[in-house]
Amino acid sequence: MPKVIDHDQRRRDIVDVTWRLIVKGGIEAATMREIAAEAGFANGALKHYFPGKDEIIQGAYERSLGLMGEHIEAEVADKRGVAALRAICWAAMPLDDERVTSGRVLLSFWERAVSNETLHEAYLAHLAVWRGALARYVAEGREDGDITTATPDEQLVDEIVLLNVGANIMSLISPESSTPALQEAHLRAFFERL
């Protein structure tokens, strides 16, 4: 009887291997040859599961977003307004090893997305959802009377995105100058201005 192959599990395994390679050595370490070798496949066998490297990288990116999304969802839960904003901001910051690792994969993805329209569009779709959630929480904060600043809502959303993305990049590039304590101080200062 022929062996039954779980193709979805194989795809997950390939993404896991790619994730580990990116974390260990960056996007350059995640060559098709290395991914295949680490996953225990012949080099050409990856084509049965992914059309190319960009799709594998996108899988690793989606895994990273999934991990962050789970963390954010758990923190935000049923909060609204400023409480939800605080929860989402703290949850998206690279304040522990798991989130720093996710940020490393995201940084590799961003690098690739600059020159790949499909990956670029995937990030823009994620960004639109994230910005939409932030805008909703800012609007709720104004409704609840907790946000009184004259700063326009869109600018507040921009600031949150830049704080979080910048912290993820700096935690990798210069961790000694972007410590968790400093990241949290920036977030506290932002919320004090609301």
Protein backbone atom coordinates (compact mmCIF):
# COMPACT_ATOMS: atom_id res chain seq x y z
CA MET A 1 0.00 0.00 0.00
CA PRO A 2 1.44 3.43 -0.95
CA LYS A 3 2.50 5.79 1.81
CA VAL A 4 -0.03 8.55 2.53
CA ILE A 5 1.64 11.96 2.48
CA ASP A 6 0.19 14.89 4.38
CA HIS A 7 1.02 17.71 1.95
CA ASP A 8 -0.17 20.44 4.33
CA GLN A 9 2.14 19.11 7.05
CA ARG A 10 5.03 18.99 4.57
CA ARG A 11 4.37 22.65 3.67
CA ARG A 12 4.37 23.55 7.38
CA ASP A 13 7.63 21.62 7.85
CA ILE A 14 9.24 23.49 4.95
CA VAL A 15 8.09 26.82 6.42
CA ASP A 16 9.46 25.80 9.84
CA VAL A 17 12.84 24.96 8.32
CA THR A 18 12.88 28.25 6.42
CA TRP A 19 11.97 30.11 9.62
CA ARG A 20 14.91 28.52 11.46
CA LEU A 21 17.33 29.25 8.62
CA ILE A 22 16.26 32.91 8.47
CA VAL A 23 16.55 33.27 12.24
CA LYS A 24 20.01 31.69 12.22
CA GLY A 25 21.52 33.40 9.19
CA GLY A 26 19.08 35.83 7.61
CA ILE A 27 17.42 35.61 4.23
CA GLU A 28 20.71 34.69 2.53
CA ALA A 29 20.91 31.47 4.55
CA ALA A 30 17.50 30.34 3.32
CA THR A 31 18.57 29.16 -0.12
CA MET A 32 16.44 26.58 -1.89
CA ARG A 33 19.31 24.08 -1.54
CA GLU A 34 19.61 24.69 2.24
CA ILE A 35 15.84 24.59 2.76
CA ALA A 36 15.63 21.28 0.89
CA ALA A 37 18.59 19.78 2.77
CA GLU A 38 17.29 20.86 6.19
CA ALA A 39 13.80 19.56 5.37
CA GLY A 40 15.20 16.25 4.13
CA PHE A 41 14.16 16.68 0.49
CA ALA A 42 15.96 16.48 -2.79
CA ASN A 43 16.55 20.01 -4.12
CA GLY A 44 13.83 19.83 -6.79
CA ALA A 45 11.24 18.27 -4.45
CA LEU A 46 10.32 21.64 -2.94
CA LYS A 47 8.56 22.54 -6.20
CA HIS A 48 5.86 19.99 -5.32
CA TYR A 49 4.91 22.13 -2.32
CA PHE A 50 5.84 25.71 -3.25
CA PRO A 51 6.31 27.26 -6.71
CA GLY A 52 9.43 29.14 -5.60
CA LYS A 53 11.43 30.71 -2.82
CA ASP A 54 9.21 33.79 -2.54
CA GLU A 55 6.21 31.61 -1.67
CA ILE A 56 8.27 29.82 1.00
CA ILE A 57 9.43 33.19 2.39
CA GLN A 58 5.80 34.34 2.40
CA GLY A 59 4.90 31.21 4.38
CA ALA A 60 7.57 32.05 6.98
CA TYR A 61 6.28 35.64 7.06
CA GLU A 62 2.72 34.46 7.59
CA ARG A 63 3.91 32.21 10.41
CA SER A 64 5.61 35.21 12.00
CA LEU A 65 2.46 37.30 11.65
CA GLY A 66 0.42 34.41 13.03
CA LEU A 67 2.56 34.21 16.17
CA MET A 68 2.34 37.97 16.66
CA GLY A 69 -1.38 37.86 15.92
CA GLU A 70 -1.96 35.20 18.58
CA HIS A 71 -0.02 37.25 21.11
CA ILE A 72 -1.93 40.42 20.21
CA GLU A 73 -5.29 38.66 20.26
CA ALA A 74 -4.62 37.25 23.72
CA GLU A 75 -3.57 40.66 25.03
CA VAL A 76 -6.36 42.69 23.42
CA ALA A 77 -9.14 40.15 24.14
CA ASP A 78 -12.33 42.15 24.73
CA LYS A 79 -10.66 45.51 25.41
CA ARG A 80 -11.64 48.64 23.53
CA GLY A 81 -10.33 52.16 23.03
CA VAL A 82 -7.14 53.14 24.84
CA ALA A 83 -6.96 49.82 26.72
CA ALA A 84 -6.99 47.95 23.38
CA LEU A 85 -4.43 50.38 21.90
CA ARG A 86 -2.10 49.83 24.85
CA ALA A 87 -2.50 46.07 24.58
CA ILE A 88 -1.86 45.95 20.82
CA CYS A 89 1.15 48.29 21.07
CA TRP A 90 2.83 46.35 23.87
CA ALA A 91 2.03 43.01 22.24
CA ALA A 92 3.58 44.05 18.90
CA MET A 93 6.81 45.37 20.44
CA PRO A 94 9.91 43.12 20.46
CA LEU A 95 10.02 42.87 24.25
CA ASP A 96 10.93 39.17 24.51
CA ASP A 97 12.95 36.60 22.57
CA GLU A 98 9.95 35.19 20.68
CA ARG A 99 8.91 38.60 19.36
CA VAL A 100 12.51 39.57 18.51
CA THR A 101 12.73 36.33 16.51
CA SER A 102 9.48 37.15 14.73
CA GLY A 103 10.90 40.59 13.97
CA ARG A 104 13.98 39.00 12.40
CA VAL A 105 11.78 37.03 10.01
CA LEU A 106 9.73 40.16 9.28
CA LEU A 107 12.89 42.13 8.51
CA SER A 108 13.96 39.45 6.02
CA PHE A 109 10.49 39.55 4.49
CA TRP A 110 10.51 43.35 4.23
CA GLU A 111 13.87 43.21 2.46
CA ARG A 112 12.48 40.78 -0.11
CA ALA A 113 9.15 42.63 -0.42
CA VAL A 114 10.90 45.80 -1.61
CA SER A 115 11.61 44.20 -4.98
CA ASN A 116 8.79 41.62 -5.20
CA GLU A 117 5.35 42.95 -6.04
CA THR A 118 3.47 39.90 -4.69
CA LEU A 119 5.23 40.04 -1.33
CA HIS A 120 4.88 43.82 -1.26
CA GLU A 121 1.12 43.52 -1.82
CA ALA A 122 0.89 40.88 0.93
CA TYR A 123 2.53 43.29 3.39
CA LEU A 124 0.32 46.19 2.31
CA ALA A 125 -2.76 44.00 2.92
CA HIS A 126 -1.51 43.18 6.43
CA LEU A 127 -0.70 46.85 7.04
CA ALA A 128 -4.22 47.90 6.00
CA VAL A 129 -5.78 45.46 8.49
CA TRP A 130 -3.42 46.58 11.27
CA ARG A 131 -4.04 50.27 10.58
CA GLY A 132 -7.79 49.61 10.47
CA ALA A 133 -7.72 48.03 13.93
CA LEU A 134 -5.63 50.90 15.30
CA ALA A 135 -7.97 53.49 13.77
CA ARG A 136 -10.98 51.74 15.34
CA TYR A 137 -9.36 51.73 18.79
CA VAL A 138 -8.38 55.41 18.45
CA ALA A 139 -11.98 56.27 17.48
CA GLU A 140 -13.28 54.30 20.49
CA GLY A 141 -10.80 56.13 22.73
CA ARG A 142 -12.17 59.45 21.52
CA GLU A 143 -15.76 58.23 22.02
CA ASP A 144 -14.91 57.16 25.56
CA GLY A 145 -13.27 60.53 26.29
CA ASP A 146 -9.86 58.94 26.95
CA ILE A 147 -8.20 60.51 23.90
CA THR A 148 -8.38 64.29 23.96
CA THR A 149 -5.33 65.32 21.95
CA ALA A 150 -5.89 67.55 18.93
CA THR A 151 -3.52 65.33 16.92
CA PRO A 152 -5.51 63.83 14.02
CA ASP A 153 -6.41 60.15 14.30
CA GLU A 154 -4.48 59.22 11.16
CA GLN A 155 -1.31 60.77 12.58
CA LEU A 156 -1.77 58.80 15.82
CA VAL A 157 -2.08 55.59 13.79
CA ASP A 158 1.06 56.55 11.82
CA GLU A 159 2.98 57.13 15.05
CA ILE A 160 1.99 53.75 16.46
CA VAL A 161 2.98 51.95 13.26
CA LEU A 162 6.33 53.77 13.13
CA LEU A 163 7.01 53.10 16.83
CA ASN A 164 6.35 49.39 16.43
CA VAL A 165 8.12 48.86 13.10
CA GLY A 166 11.06 51.00 14.18
CA ALA A 167 11.39 49.11 17.47
CA ASN A 168 11.40 45.78 15.60
CA ILE A 169 14.16 46.96 13.28
CA MET A 170 16.26 48.60 16.00
CA SER A 171 15.98 45.59 18.33
CA LEU A 172 17.84 43.64 15.63
CA ILE A 173 20.21 46.29 14.31
CA SER A 174 21.17 47.94 17.60
CA PRO A 175 19.70 46.05 20.55
CA GLU A 176 21.90 47.91 23.04
CA SER A 177 20.32 51.24 22.03
CA SER A 178 16.78 49.89 21.71
CA THR A 179 16.25 47.98 24.92
CA PRO A 180 12.82 46.79 26.04
CA ALA A 181 12.91 49.44 28.79
CA LEU A 182 13.49 52.20 26.22
CA GLN A 183 10.78 50.83 23.92
CA GLU A 184 8.32 50.80 26.81
CA ALA A 185 9.34 54.37 27.77
CA HIS A 186 8.54 55.53 24.22
CA LEU A 187 5.14 53.84 24.37
CA ARG A 188 4.36 55.37 27.78
CA ALA A 189 5.30 58.83 26.46
CA PHE A 190 3.05 58.33 23.44
CA PHE A 191 0.08 57.36 25.62
CA GLU A 192 0.67 60.26 28.02
CA ARG A 193 0.25 62.65 25.07
CA LEU A 194 -3.18 61.23 24.19
